[in-house]
Amino acid sequence: LSSQKQYKKDLETEIKGKGMQVGPDTPEIRRAKKASEIASTKEYKKDLENEIRGKGMGVGMDTPDIQRAKKASEIVSQKEYKKDLETEIVGKGMQVGPYTPEIQRVKRASEIASQ
C-alpha cells in the first residue's frame, strides 16, 4: 500500500506530462538520420542523371543582355584596334621608295597620258 502511494506520488510529480525524453545520439536515431541522408543523396543523384546532366543552361542567343554584351565587346575591340593603329602603325609602316617597279610603271603611264 505504501509503495502504491509512493508510485502514484512519483507519477503525479515526476513522470506525468513530461513524456519520454530521447537523447539525440542514440543508435536508433543515428541510424535513422543516416538512412535519411542516403535516401536524399540517392534522390539527388537520380534527379541529376535524369533532369540536369547534359542539358546545360538554356539561354537563347538573342536575349537583349547578350546582344548588348556582344555590341560592347565589338566596340572595345574597335577602340583597341584604332588605338594600336594610331600609336603603333601609322607613320611606322613600310617606306615606299620612288624606284619600285610599280611606281615607275605608274609614272610612265602618267607621262604618256599627259602628252
PDB file of N, CA and C in Angstrom:
ATOM      1  N   LEU A   1       0.817  -1.185   0.000  1.00  0.00           N
ATOM      2  CA  LEU A   1       0.000   0.000   0.000  1.00  0.00           C
ATOM      3  C   LEU A   1       0.867   1.259   0.000  1.00  0.00           C
ATOM      4  N   SER A   2       1.867   1.218   0.793  1.00  0.00           N
ATOM      5  CA  SER A   2       2.796   2.340   0.865  1.00  0.00           C
ATOM      6  C   SER A   2       3.533   2.521  -0.456  1.00  0.00           C
ATOM      7  N   SER A   3       3.918   1.427  -1.088  1.00  0.00           N
ATOM      8  CA  SER A   3       4.628   1.520  -2.355  1.00  0.00           C
ATOM      9  C   SER A   3       3.712   2.044  -3.465  1.00  0.00           C
ATOM     10  N   GLN A   4       2.418   1.709  -3.387  1.00  0.00           N
ATOM     11  CA  GLN A   4       1.485   2.229  -4.377  1.00  0.00           C
ATOM     12  C   GLN A   4       1.307   3.738  -4.230  1.00  0.00           C
ATOM     13  N   LYS A   5       1.261   4.206  -2.964  1.00  0.00           N
ATOM     14  CA  LYS A   5       1.150   5.638  -2.732  1.00  0.00           C
ATOM     15  C   LYS A   5       2.395   6.358  -3.263  1.00  0.00           C
ATOM     16  N   GLN A   6       3.537   5.754  -2.999  1.00  0.00           N
ATOM     17  CA  GLN A   6       4.794   6.347  -3.471  1.00  0.00           C
ATOM     18  C   GLN A   6       4.822   6.362  -5.005  1.00  0.00           C
ATOM     19  N   TYR A   7       4.353   5.297  -5.599  1.00  0.00           N
ATOM     20  CA  TYR A   7       4.315   5.219  -7.059  1.00  0.00           C
ATOM     21  C   TYR A   7       3.406   6.304  -7.626  1.00  0.00           C
ATOM     22  N   LYS A   8       2.197   6.467  -7.062  1.00  0.00           N
ATOM     23  CA  LYS A   8       1.262   7.469  -7.543  1.00  0.00           C
ATOM     24  C   LYS A   8       1.808   8.875  -7.339  1.00  0.00           C
ATOM     25  N   LYS A   9       2.493   9.088  -6.217  1.00  0.00           N
ATOM     26  CA  LYS A   9       3.086  10.389  -5.949  1.00  0.00           C
ATOM     27  C   LYS A   9       4.166  10.693  -6.989  1.00  0.00           C
ATOM     28  N   ASP A  10       5.008   9.710  -7.242  1.00  0.00           N
ATOM     29  CA  ASP A  10       6.049   9.888  -8.256  1.00  0.00           C
ATOM     30  C   ASP A  10       5.436  10.096  -9.643  1.00  0.00           C
ATOM     31  N   LEU A  11       4.368   9.379  -9.905  1.00  0.00           N
ATOM     32  CA  LEU A  11       3.692   9.516 -11.185  1.00  0.00           C
ATOM     33  C   LEU A  11       3.177  10.937 -11.362  1.00  0.00           C
ATOM     34  N   GLU A  12       2.554  11.479 -10.330  1.00  0.00           N
ATOM     35  CA  GLU A  12       1.981  12.817 -10.413  1.00  0.00           C
ATOM     36  C   GLU A  12       3.055  13.903 -10.503  1.00  0.00           C
ATOM     37  N   THR A  13       4.140  13.767  -9.767  1.00  0.00           N
ATOM     38  CA  THR A  13       5.129  14.843  -9.692  1.00  0.00           C
ATOM     39  C   THR A  13       6.287  14.701 -10.677  1.00  0.00           C
ATOM     40  N   GLU A  14       6.675  13.516 -10.985  1.00  0.00           N
ATOM     41  CA  GLU A  14       7.897  13.313 -11.761  1.00  0.00           C
ATOM     42  C   GLU A  14       7.667  12.891 -13.213  1.00  0.00           C
ATOM     43  N   ILE A  15       6.689  12.064 -13.442  1.00  0.00           N
ATOM     44  CA  ILE A  15       6.576  11.421 -14.749  1.00  0.00           C
ATOM     45  C   ILE A  15       5.483  12.038 -15.615  1.00  0.00           C
ATOM     46  N   LYS A  16       4.316  12.280 -15.044  1.00  0.00           N
ATOM     47  CA  LYS A  16       3.143  12.679 -15.803  1.00  0.00           C
ATOM     48  C   LYS A  16       3.392  13.994 -16.559  1.00  0.00           C
ATOM     49  N   GLY A  17       3.058  14.024 -17.847  1.00  0.00           N
ATOM     50  CA  GLY A  17       3.150  15.221 -18.657  1.00  0.00           C
ATOM     51  C   GLY A  17       4.520  15.513 -19.233  1.00  0.00           C
ATOM     52  N   LYS A  18       5.523  14.771 -18.862  1.00  0.00           N
ATOM     53  CA  LYS A  18       6.866  15.044 -19.361  1.00  0.00           C
ATOM     54  C   LYS A  18       7.211  14.221 -20.590  1.00  0.00           C
ATOM     55  N   GLY A  19       6.555  13.140 -20.778  1.00  0.00           N
ATOM     56  CA  GLY A  19       6.836  12.295 -21.929  1.00  0.00           C
ATOM     57  C   GLY A  19       8.203  11.639 -21.832  1.00  0.00           C
ATOM     58  N   MET A  20       8.447  10.798 -22.767  1.00  0.00           N
ATOM     59  CA  MET A  20       9.729  10.096 -22.776  1.00  0.00           C
ATOM     60  C   MET A  20      10.753  10.962 -23.498  1.00  0.00           C
ATOM     61  N   GLN A  21      11.853  11.227 -22.873  1.00  0.00           N
ATOM     62  CA  GLN A  21      12.888  12.034 -23.497  1.00  0.00           C
ATOM     63  C   GLN A  21      13.961  11.125 -24.066  1.00  0.00           C
ATOM     64  N   VAL A  22      14.246  11.341 -25.344  1.00  0.00           N
ATOM     65  CA  VAL A  22      15.240  10.522 -26.027  1.00  0.00           C
ATOM     66  C   VAL A  22      16.408  11.426 -26.391  1.00  0.00           C
ATOM     67  N   GLY A  23      17.599  10.989 -26.073  1.00  0.00           N
ATOM     68  CA  GLY A  23      18.794  11.761 -26.411  1.00  0.00           C
ATOM     69  C   GLY A  23      19.053  11.728 -27.908  1.00  0.00           C
ATOM     70  N   PRO A  24      19.724  12.745 -28.421  1.00  0.00           N
ATOM     71  CA  PRO A  24      19.936  12.827 -29.868  1.00  0.00           C
ATOM     72  C   PRO A  24      20.975  11.840 -30.405  1.00  0.00           C
ATOM     73  N   ASP A  25      21.701  11.199 -29.538  1.00  0.00           N
ATOM     74  CA  ASP A  25      22.769  10.316 -30.006  1.00  0.00           C
ATOM     75  C   ASP A  25      22.506   8.841 -29.753  1.00  0.00           C
ATOM     76  N   THR A  26      21.269   8.466 -29.672  1.00  0.00           N
ATOM     77  CA  THR A  26      21.002   7.042 -29.507  1.00  0.00           C
ATOM     78  C   THR A  26      21.280   6.343 -30.829  1.00  0.00           C
ATOM     79  N   PRO A  27      21.675   5.097 -30.780  1.00  0.00           N
ATOM     80  CA  PRO A  27      21.983   4.377 -32.028  1.00  0.00           C
ATOM     81  C   PRO A  27      20.818   4.361 -33.018  1.00  0.00           C
ATOM     82  N   GLU A  28      19.609   4.265 -32.517  1.00  0.00           N
ATOM     83  CA  GLU A  28      18.442   4.225 -33.405  1.00  0.00           C
ATOM     84  C   GLU A  28      18.263   5.556 -34.140  1.00  0.00           C
ATOM     85  N   ILE A  29      18.459   6.654 -33.443  1.00  0.00           N
ATOM     86  CA  ILE A  29      18.322   7.970 -34.080  1.00  0.00           C
ATOM     87  C   ILE A  29      19.445   8.187 -35.085  1.00  0.00           C
ATOM     88  N   ARG A  30      20.658   7.794 -34.745  1.00  0.00           N
ATOM     89  CA  ARG A  30      21.772   7.923 -35.688  1.00  0.00           C
ATOM     90  C   ARG A  30      21.520   7.106 -36.949  1.00  0.00           C
ATOM     91  N   ARG A  31      20.985   5.894 -36.783  1.00  0.00           N
ATOM     92  CA  ARG A  31      20.685   5.043 -37.930  1.00  0.00           C
ATOM     93  C   ARG A  31      19.615   5.682 -38.806  1.00  0.00           C
ATOM     94  N   ALA A  32      18.591   6.253 -38.197  1.00  0.00           N
ATOM     95  CA  ALA A  32      17.515   6.898 -38.956  1.00  0.00           C
ATOM     96  C   ALA A  32      18.040   8.124 -39.716  1.00  0.00           C
ATOM     97  N   LYS A  33      18.900   8.915 -39.081  1.00  0.00           N
ATOM     98  CA  LYS A  33      19.481  10.084 -39.755  1.00  0.00           C
ATOM     99  C   LYS A  33      20.322   9.657 -40.945  1.00  0.00           C
ATOM    100  N   LYS A  34      21.124   8.626 -40.750  1.00  0.00           N
ATOM    101  CA  LYS A  34      21.985   8.133 -41.831  1.00  0.00           C
ATOM    102  C   LYS A  34      21.134   7.621 -42.998  1.00  0.00           C
ATOM    103  N   ALA A  35      20.073   6.890 -42.690  1.00  0.00           N
ATOM    104  CA  ALA A  35      19.185   6.380 -43.740  1.00  0.00           C
ATOM    105  C   ALA A  35      18.537   7.535 -44.501  1.00  0.00           C
ATOM    106  N   SER A  36      18.154   8.579 -43.792  1.00  0.00           N
ATOM    107  CA  SER A  36      17.555   9.746 -44.434  1.00  0.00           C
ATOM    108  C   SER A  36      18.557  10.438 -45.355  1.00  0.00           C
ATOM    109  N   GLU A  37      19.806  10.575 -44.908  1.00  0.00           N
ATOM    110  CA  GLU A  37      20.847  11.192 -45.731  1.00  0.00           C
ATOM    111  C   GLU A  37      21.109  10.372 -46.995  1.00  0.00           C
ATOM    112  N   ILE A  38      21.165   9.061 -46.853  1.00  0.00           N
ATOM    113  CA  ILE A  38      21.410   8.186 -48.004  1.00  0.00           C
ATOM    114  C   ILE A  38      20.266   8.307 -49.013  1.00  0.00           C
ATOM    115  N   ALA A  39      19.032   8.294 -48.520  1.00  0.00           N
ATOM    116  CA  ALA A  39      17.877   8.414 -49.415  1.00  0.00           C
ATOM    117  C   ALA A  39      17.892   9.758 -50.134  1.00  0.00           C
ATOM    118  N   SER A  40      18.240  10.809 -49.417  1.00  0.00           N
ATOM    119  CA  SER A  40      18.297  12.135 -50.023  1.00  0.00           C
ATOM    120  C   SER A  40      19.374  12.192 -51.099  1.00  0.00           C
ATOM    121  N   THR A  41      20.539  11.618 -50.828  1.00  0.00           N
ATOM    122  CA  THR A  41      21.633  11.601 -51.793  1.00  0.00           C
ATOM    123  C   THR A  41      21.244  10.806 -53.033  1.00  0.00           C
ATOM    124  N   LYS A  42      20.600   9.661 -52.841  1.00  0.00           N
ATOM    125  CA  LYS A  42      20.172   8.852 -53.985  1.00  0.00           C
ATOM    126  C   LYS A  42      19.157   9.611 -54.833  1.00  0.00           C
ATOM    127  N   GLU A  43      18.232  10.303 -54.197  1.00  0.00           N
ATOM    128  CA  GLU A  43      17.221  11.070 -54.929  1.00  0.00           C
ATOM    129  C   GLU A  43      17.877  12.201 -55.713  1.00  0.00           C
ATOM    130  N   TYR A  44      18.855  12.871 -55.096  1.00  0.00           N
ATOM    131  CA  TYR A  44      19.568  13.949 -55.779  1.00  0.00           C
ATOM    132  C   TYR A  44      20.298  13.417 -57.002  1.00  0.00           C
ATOM    133  N   LYS A  45      21.001  12.294 -56.835  1.00  0.00           N
ATOM    134  CA  LYS A  45      21.744  11.722 -57.964  1.00  0.00           C
ATOM    135  C   LYS A  45      20.802  11.284 -59.077  1.00  0.00           C
ATOM    136  N   LYS A  46      19.649  10.757 -58.704  1.00  0.00           N
ATOM    137  CA  LYS A  46      18.668  10.338 -59.707  1.00  0.00           C
ATOM    138  C   LYS A  46      18.180  11.554 -60.499  1.00  0.00           C
ATOM    139  N   ASP A  47      17.873  12.635 -59.795  1.00  0.00           N
ATOM    140  CA  ASP A  47      17.447  13.861 -60.477  1.00  0.00           C
ATOM    141  C   ASP A  47      18.564  14.400 -61.358  1.00  0.00           C
ATOM    142  N   LEU A  48      19.787  14.338 -60.873  1.00  0.00           N
ATOM    143  CA  LEU A  48      20.925  14.821 -61.649  1.00  0.00           C
ATOM    144  C   LEU A  48      21.045  14.044 -62.952  1.00  0.00           C
ATOM    145  N   GLU A  49      20.953  12.729 -62.876  1.00  0.00           N
ATOM    146  CA  GLU A  49      21.082  11.888 -64.069  1.00  0.00           C
ATOM    147  C   GLU A  49      19.929  12.113 -65.044  1.00  0.00           C
ATOM    148  N   ASN A  50      18.713  12.223 -64.530  1.00  0.00           N
ATOM    149  CA  ASN A  50      17.537  12.284 -65.399  1.00  0.00           C
ATOM    150  C   ASN A  50      17.197  13.679 -65.903  1.00  0.00           C
ATOM    151  N   GLU A  51      17.413  14.683 -65.090  1.00  0.00           N
ATOM    152  CA  GLU A  51      16.892  16.005 -65.417  1.00  0.00           C
ATOM    153  C   GLU A  51      17.943  17.039 -65.791  1.00  0.00           C
ATOM    154  N   ILE A  52      19.094  16.989 -65.179  1.00  0.00           N
ATOM    155  CA  ILE A  52      20.031  18.101 -65.295  1.00  0.00           C
ATOM    156  C   ILE A  52      21.179  17.809 -66.245  1.00  0.00           C
ATOM    157  N   ARG A  53      21.856  16.700 -66.068  1.00  0.00           N
ATOM    158  CA  ARG A  53      23.092  16.427 -66.790  1.00  0.00           C
ATOM    159  C   ARG A  53      22.872  16.421 -68.294  1.00  0.00           C
ATOM    160  N   GLY A  54      23.742  17.074 -69.020  1.00  0.00           N
ATOM    161  CA  GLY A  54      23.712  17.075 -70.472  1.00  0.00           C
ATOM    162  C   GLY A  54      22.817  18.122 -71.098  1.00  0.00           C
ATOM    163  N   LYS A  55      22.007  18.776 -70.295  1.00  0.00           N
ATOM    164  CA  LYS A  55      21.103  19.764 -70.870  1.00  0.00           C
ATOM    165  C   LYS A  55      21.712  21.154 -70.874  1.00  0.00           C
ATOM    166  N   GLY A  56      22.606  21.427 -69.959  1.00  0.00           N
ATOM    167  CA  GLY A  56      23.250  22.732 -69.904  1.00  0.00           C
ATOM    168  C   GLY A  56      22.264  23.837 -69.576  1.00  0.00           C
ATOM    169  N   MET A  57      22.752  25.029 -69.663  1.00  0.00           N
ATOM    170  CA  MET A  57      21.917  26.182 -69.370  1.00  0.00           C
ATOM    171  C   MET A  57      21.242  26.623 -70.660  1.00  0.00           C
ATOM    172  N   GLY A  58      19.959  26.665 -70.697  1.00  0.00           N
ATOM    173  CA  GLY A  58      19.243  27.013 -71.913  1.00  0.00           C
ATOM    174  C   GLY A  58      19.018  28.512 -72.040  1.00  0.00           C
ATOM    175  N   VAL A  59      19.954  29.200 -72.642  1.00  0.00           N
ATOM    176  CA  VAL A  59      19.826  30.640 -72.839  1.00  0.00           C
ATOM    177  C   VAL A  59      19.762  30.904 -74.329  1.00  0.00           C
ATOM    178  N   GLY A  60      18.779  31.633 -74.755  1.00  0.00           N
ATOM    179  CA  GLY A  60      18.671  31.986 -76.164  1.00  0.00           C
ATOM    180  C   GLY A  60      19.751  32.982 -76.538  1.00  0.00           C
ATOM    181  N   MET A  61      20.206  32.909 -77.775  1.00  0.00           N
ATOM    182  CA  MET A  61      21.295  33.780 -78.214  1.00  0.00           C
ATOM    183  C   MET A  61      20.809  35.190 -78.537  1.00  0.00           C
ATOM    184  N   ASP A  62      19.515  35.413 -78.571  1.00  0.00           N
ATOM    185  CA  ASP A  62      19.007  36.715 -78.976  1.00  0.00           C
ATOM    186  C   ASP A  62      18.456  37.529 -77.812  1.00  0.00           C
ATOM    187  N   THR A  63      18.835  37.197 -76.603  1.00  0.00           N
ATOM    188  CA  THR A  63      18.344  37.986 -75.484  1.00  0.00           C
ATOM    189  C   THR A  63      18.988  39.364 -75.523  1.00  0.00           C
ATOM    190  N   PRO A  64      18.299  40.383 -75.067  1.00  0.00           N
ATOM    191  CA  PRO A  64      18.853  41.742 -75.113  1.00  0.00           C
ATOM    192  C   PRO A  64      20.182  41.881 -74.365  1.00  0.00           C
ATOM    193  N   ASP A  65      20.319  41.191 -73.246  1.00  0.00           N
ATOM    194  CA  ASP A  65      21.575  41.285 -72.493  1.00  0.00           C
ATOM    195  C   ASP A  65      22.746  40.727 -73.285  1.00  0.00           C
ATOM    196  N   ILE A  66      22.531  39.616 -73.969  1.00  0.00           N
ATOM    197  CA  ILE A  66      23.613  39.011 -74.755  1.00  0.00           C
ATOM    198  C   ILE A  66      23.955  39.901 -75.940  1.00  0.00           C
ATOM    199  N   GLN A  67      22.952  40.452 -76.597  1.00  0.00           N
ATOM    200  CA  GLN A  67      23.213  41.357 -77.722  1.00  0.00           C
ATOM    201  C   GLN A  67      23.993  42.587 -77.266  1.00  0.00           C
ATOM    202  N   ARG A  68      23.605  43.143 -76.109  1.00  0.00           N
ATOM    203  CA  ARG A  68      24.294  44.317 -75.583  1.00  0.00           C
ATOM    204  C   ARG A  68      25.742  43.990 -75.247  1.00  0.00           C
ATOM    205  N   ALA A  69      25.978  42.822 -74.655  1.00  0.00           N
ATOM    206  CA  ALA A  69      27.348  42.425 -74.313  1.00  0.00           C
ATOM    207  C   ALA A  69      28.195  42.227 -75.564  1.00  0.00           C
ATOM    208  N   LYS A  70      27.620  41.619 -76.600  1.00  0.00           N
ATOM    209  CA  LYS A  70      28.363  41.434 -77.852  1.00  0.00           C
ATOM    210  C   LYS A  70      28.723  42.772 -78.479  1.00  0.00           C
ATOM    211  N   LYS A  71      27.763  43.684 -78.482  1.00  0.00           N
ATOM    212  CA  LYS A  71      27.997  45.007 -79.068  1.00  0.00           C
ATOM    213  C   LYS A  71      29.088  45.746 -78.292  1.00  0.00           C
ATOM    214  N   ALA A  72      29.046  45.668 -76.972  1.00  0.00           N
ATOM    215  CA  ALA A  72      30.071  46.322 -76.152  1.00  0.00           C
ATOM    216  C   ALA A  72      31.440  45.721 -76.426  1.00  0.00           C
ATOM    217  N   SER A  73      31.493  44.414 -76.602  1.00  0.00           N
ATOM    218  CA  SER A  73      32.760  43.744 -76.904  1.00  0.00           C
ATOM    219  C   SER A  73      33.308  44.195 -78.254  1.00  0.00           C
ATOM    220  N   GLU A  74      32.428  44.319 -79.241  1.00  0.00           N
ATOM    221  CA  GLU A  74      32.862  44.780 -80.564  1.00  0.00           C
ATOM    222  C   GLU A  74      33.388  46.209 -80.507  1.00  0.00           C
ATOM    223  N   ILE A  75      32.708  47.070 -79.758  1.00  0.00           N
ATOM    224  CA  ILE A  75      33.139  48.467 -79.639  1.00  0.00           C
ATOM    225  C   ILE A  75      34.508  48.550 -78.981  1.00  0.00           C
ATOM    226  N   VAL A  76      34.699  47.780 -77.925  1.00  0.00           N
ATOM    227  CA  VAL A  76      36.000  47.775 -77.241  1.00  0.00           C
ATOM    228  C   VAL A  76      37.087  47.279 -78.178  1.00  0.00           C
ATOM    229  N   SER A  77      36.799  46.241 -78.955  1.00  0.00           N
ATOM    230  CA  SER A  77      37.787  45.718 -79.899  1.00  0.00           C
ATOM    231  C   SER A  77      38.145  46.765 -80.945  1.00  0.00           C
ATOM    232  N   GLN A  78      37.147  47.472 -81.452  1.00  0.00           N
ATOM    233  CA  GLN A  78      37.408  48.512 -82.453  1.00  0.00           C
ATOM    234  C   GLN A  78      38.234  49.644 -81.861  1.00  0.00           C
ATOM    235  N   LYS A  79      37.923  50.039 -80.622  1.00  0.00           N
ATOM    236  CA  LYS A  79      38.689  51.107 -79.979  1.00  0.00           C
ATOM    237  C   LYS A  79      40.141  50.686 -79.780  1.00  0.00           C
ATOM    238  N   GLU A  80      40.355  49.437 -79.355  1.00  0.00           N
ATOM    239  CA  GLU A  80      41.722  48.934 -79.169  1.00  0.00           C
ATOM    240  C   GLU A  80      42.469  48.912 -80.503  1.00  0.00           C
ATOM    241  N   TYR A  81      41.784  48.479 -81.560  1.00  0.00           N
ATOM    242  CA  TYR A  81      42.419  48.419 -82.875  1.00  0.00           C
ATOM    243  C   TYR A  81      42.812  49.818 -83.331  1.00  0.00           C
ATOM    244  N   LYS A  82      41.882  50.771 -83.187  1.00  0.00           N
ATOM    245  CA  LYS A  82      42.178  52.140 -83.616  1.00  0.00           C
ATOM    246  C   LYS A  82      43.295  52.753 -82.782  1.00  0.00           C
ATOM    247  N   LYS A  83      43.313  52.452 -81.489  1.00  0.00           N
ATOM    248  CA  LYS A  83      44.376  52.970 -80.624  1.00  0.00           C
ATOM    249  C   LYS A  83      45.724  52.413 -81.060  1.00  0.00           C
ATOM    250  N   ASP A  84      45.769  51.111 -81.321  1.00  0.00           N
ATOM    251  CA  ASP A  84      47.010  50.497 -81.804  1.00  0.00           C
ATOM    252  C   ASP A  84      47.404  51.076 -83.153  1.00  0.00           C
ATOM    253  N   LEU A  85      46.433  51.298 -84.014  1.00  0.00           N
ATOM    254  CA  LEU A  85      46.711  51.860 -85.334  1.00  0.00           C
ATOM    255  C   LEU A  85      47.342  53.241 -85.204  1.00  0.00           C
ATOM    256  N   GLU A  86      46.769  54.067 -84.323  1.00  0.00           N
ATOM    257  CA  GLU A  86      47.272  55.432 -84.164  1.00  0.00           C
ATOM    258  C   GLU A  86      48.637  55.476 -83.487  1.00  0.00           C
ATOM    259  N   THR A  87      48.870  54.615 -82.520  1.00  0.00           N
ATOM    260  CA  THR A  87      50.121  54.710 -81.756  1.00  0.00           C
ATOM    261  C   THR A  87      51.238  53.834 -82.301  1.00  0.00           C
ATOM    262  N   GLU A  88      50.903  52.745 -82.937  1.00  0.00           N
ATOM    263  CA  GLU A  88      51.937  51.788 -83.320  1.00  0.00           C
ATOM    264  C   GLU A  88      52.187  51.698 -84.820  1.00  0.00           C
ATOM    265  N   ILE A  89      51.162  51.878 -85.621  1.00  0.00           N
ATOM    266  CA  ILE A  89      51.292  51.554 -87.039  1.00  0.00           C
ATOM    267  C   ILE A  89      51.452  52.793 -87.910  1.00  0.00           C
ATOM    268  N   VAL A  90      50.621  53.815 -87.705  1.00  0.00           N
ATOM    269  CA  VAL A  90      50.648  54.995 -88.568  1.00  0.00           C
ATOM    270  C   VAL A  90      52.023  55.659 -88.484  1.00  0.00           C
ATOM    271  N   GLY A  91      52.606  55.908 -89.630  1.00  0.00           N
ATOM    272  CA  GLY A  91      53.904  56.569 -89.687  1.00  0.00           C
ATOM    273  C   GLY A  91      55.085  55.646 -89.491  1.00  0.00           C
ATOM    274  N   LYS A  92      54.851  54.412 -89.144  1.00  0.00           N
ATOM    275  CA  LYS A  92      55.948  53.484 -88.926  1.00  0.00           C
ATOM    276  C   LYS A  92      55.907  52.339 -89.928  1.00  0.00           C
ATOM    277  N   GLY A  93      55.018  52.450 -90.879  1.00  0.00           N
ATOM    278  CA  GLY A  93      54.835  51.369 -91.839  1.00  0.00           C
ATOM    279  C   GLY A  93      55.984  51.251 -92.815  1.00  0.00           C
ATOM    280  N   MET A  94      55.737  50.510 -93.858  1.00  0.00           N
ATOM    281  CA  MET A  94      56.758  50.259 -94.873  1.00  0.00           C
ATOM    282  C   MET A  94      57.043  51.547 -95.646  1.00  0.00           C
ATOM    283  N   GLN A  95      58.284  51.894 -95.756  1.00  0.00           N
ATOM    284  CA  GLN A  95      58.690  53.075 -96.520  1.00  0.00           C
ATOM    285  C   GLN A  95      58.755  52.683 -98.002  1.00  0.00           C
ATOM    286  N   VAL A  96      58.020  53.392 -98.828  1.00  0.00           N
ATOM    287  CA  VAL A  96      57.986  53.078-100.248  1.00  0.00           C
ATOM    288  C   VAL A  96      58.896  54.070-100.969  1.00  0.00           C
ATOM    289  N   GLY A  97      59.894  53.533-101.610  1.00  0.00           N
ATOM    290  CA  GLY A  97      60.828  54.389-102.357  1.00  0.00           C
ATOM    291  C   GLY A  97      60.311  54.684-103.754  1.00  0.00           C
ATOM    292  N   PRO A  98      60.860  55.701-104.412  1.00  0.00           N
ATOM    293  CA  PRO A  98      60.389  56.089-105.748  1.00  0.00           C
ATOM    294  C   PRO A  98      60.870  55.152-106.853  1.00  0.00           C
ATOM    295  N   TYR A  99      61.639  54.150-106.528  1.00  0.00           N
ATOM    296  CA  TYR A  99      62.234  53.318-107.576  1.00  0.00           C
ATOM    297  C   TYR A  99      61.657  51.905-107.647  1.00  0.00           C
ATOM    298  N   THR A 100      60.530  51.674-107.061  1.00  0.00           N
ATOM    299  CA  THR A 100      59.926  50.348-107.191  1.00  0.00           C
ATOM    300  C   THR A 100      59.341  50.219-108.589  1.00  0.00           C
ATOM    301  N   PRO A 101      59.284  49.023-109.124  1.00  0.00           N
ATOM    302  CA  PRO A 101      58.768  48.837-110.489  1.00  0.00           C
ATOM    303  C   PRO A 101      57.336  49.349-110.662  1.00  0.00           C
ATOM    304  N   GLU A 102      56.514  49.181-109.666  1.00  0.00           N
ATOM    305  CA  GLU A 102      55.121  49.621-109.775  1.00  0.00           C
ATOM    306  C   GLU A 102      55.035  51.140-109.875  1.00  0.00           C
ATOM    307  N   ILE A 103      55.811  51.844-109.058  1.00  0.00           N
ATOM    308  CA  ILE A 103      55.792  53.310-109.099  1.00  0.00           C
ATOM    309  C   ILE A 103      56.349  53.813-110.427  1.00  0.00           C
ATOM    310  N   GLN A 104      57.405  53.203-110.938  1.00  0.00           N
ATOM    311  CA  GLN A 104      57.969  53.600-112.236  1.00  0.00           C
ATOM    312  C   GLN A 104      56.957  53.381-113.357  1.00  0.00           C
ATOM    313  N   ARG A 105      56.217  52.276-113.320  1.00  0.00           N
ATOM    314  CA  ARG A 105      55.204  51.999-114.337  1.00  0.00           C
ATOM    315  C   ARG A 105      54.103  53.047-114.292  1.00  0.00           C
ATOM    316  N   VAL A 106      53.667  53.400-113.086  1.00  0.00           N
ATOM    317  CA  VAL A 106      52.619  54.403-112.942  1.00  0.00           C
ATOM    318  C   VAL A 106      53.107  55.755-113.446  1.00  0.00           C
ATOM    319  N   LYS A 107      54.349  56.110-113.146  1.00  0.00           N
ATOM    320  CA  LYS A 107      54.900  57.387-113.626  1.00  0.00           C
ATOM    321  C   LYS A 107      54.930  57.430-115.150  1.00  0.00           C
ATOM    322  N   ARG A 108      55.387  56.332-115.780  1.00  0.00           N
ATOM    323  CA  ARG A 108      55.430  56.277-117.247  1.00  0.00           C
ATOM    324  C   ARG A 108      54.034  56.392-117.834  1.00  0.00           C
ATOM    325  N   ALA A 109      53.073  55.687-117.213  1.00  0.00           N
ATOM    326  CA  ALA A 109      51.694  55.752-117.703  1.00  0.00           C
ATOM    327  C   ALA A 109      51.154  57.166-117.561  1.00  0.00           C
ATOM    328  N   SER A 110      51.497  57.829-116.488  1.00  0.00           N
ATOM    329  CA  SER A 110      51.062  59.203-116.270  1.00  0.00           C
ATOM    330  C   SER A 110      51.682  60.149-117.295  1.00  0.00           C
ATOM    331  N   GLU A 111      52.958  59.963-117.600  1.00  0.00           N
ATOM    332  CA  GLU A 111      53.642  60.803-118.590  1.00  0.00           C
ATOM    333  C   GLU A 111      53.046  60.600-119.977  1.00  0.00           C
ATOM    334  N   ILE A 112      52.773  59.357-120.321  1.00  0.00           N
ATOM    335  CA  ILE A 112      52.194  59.057-121.633  1.00  0.00           C
ATOM    336  C   ILE A 112      50.805  59.674-121.740  1.00  0.00           C
ATOM    337  N   ALA A 113      50.043  59.571-120.677  1.00  0.00           N
ATOM    338  CA  ALA A 113      48.680  60.106-120.697  1.00  0.00           C
ATOM    339  C   ALA A 113      48.686  61.622-120.776  1.00  0.00           C
ATOM    340  N   SER A 114      49.670  62.266-120.215  1.00  0.00           N
ATOM    341  CA  SER A 114      49.703  63.732-120.221  1.00  0.00           C
ATOM    342  C   SER A 114      50.190  64.294-121.560  1.00  0.00           C
ATOM    343  N   GLN A 115      50.803  63.529-122.454  1.00  0.00           N
ATOM    344  CA  GLN A 115      51.318  64.022-123.743  1.00  0.00           C
ATOM    345  C   GLN A 115      50.248  64.194-124.734  1.00  0.00           C
TER     346      GLN A 115
END
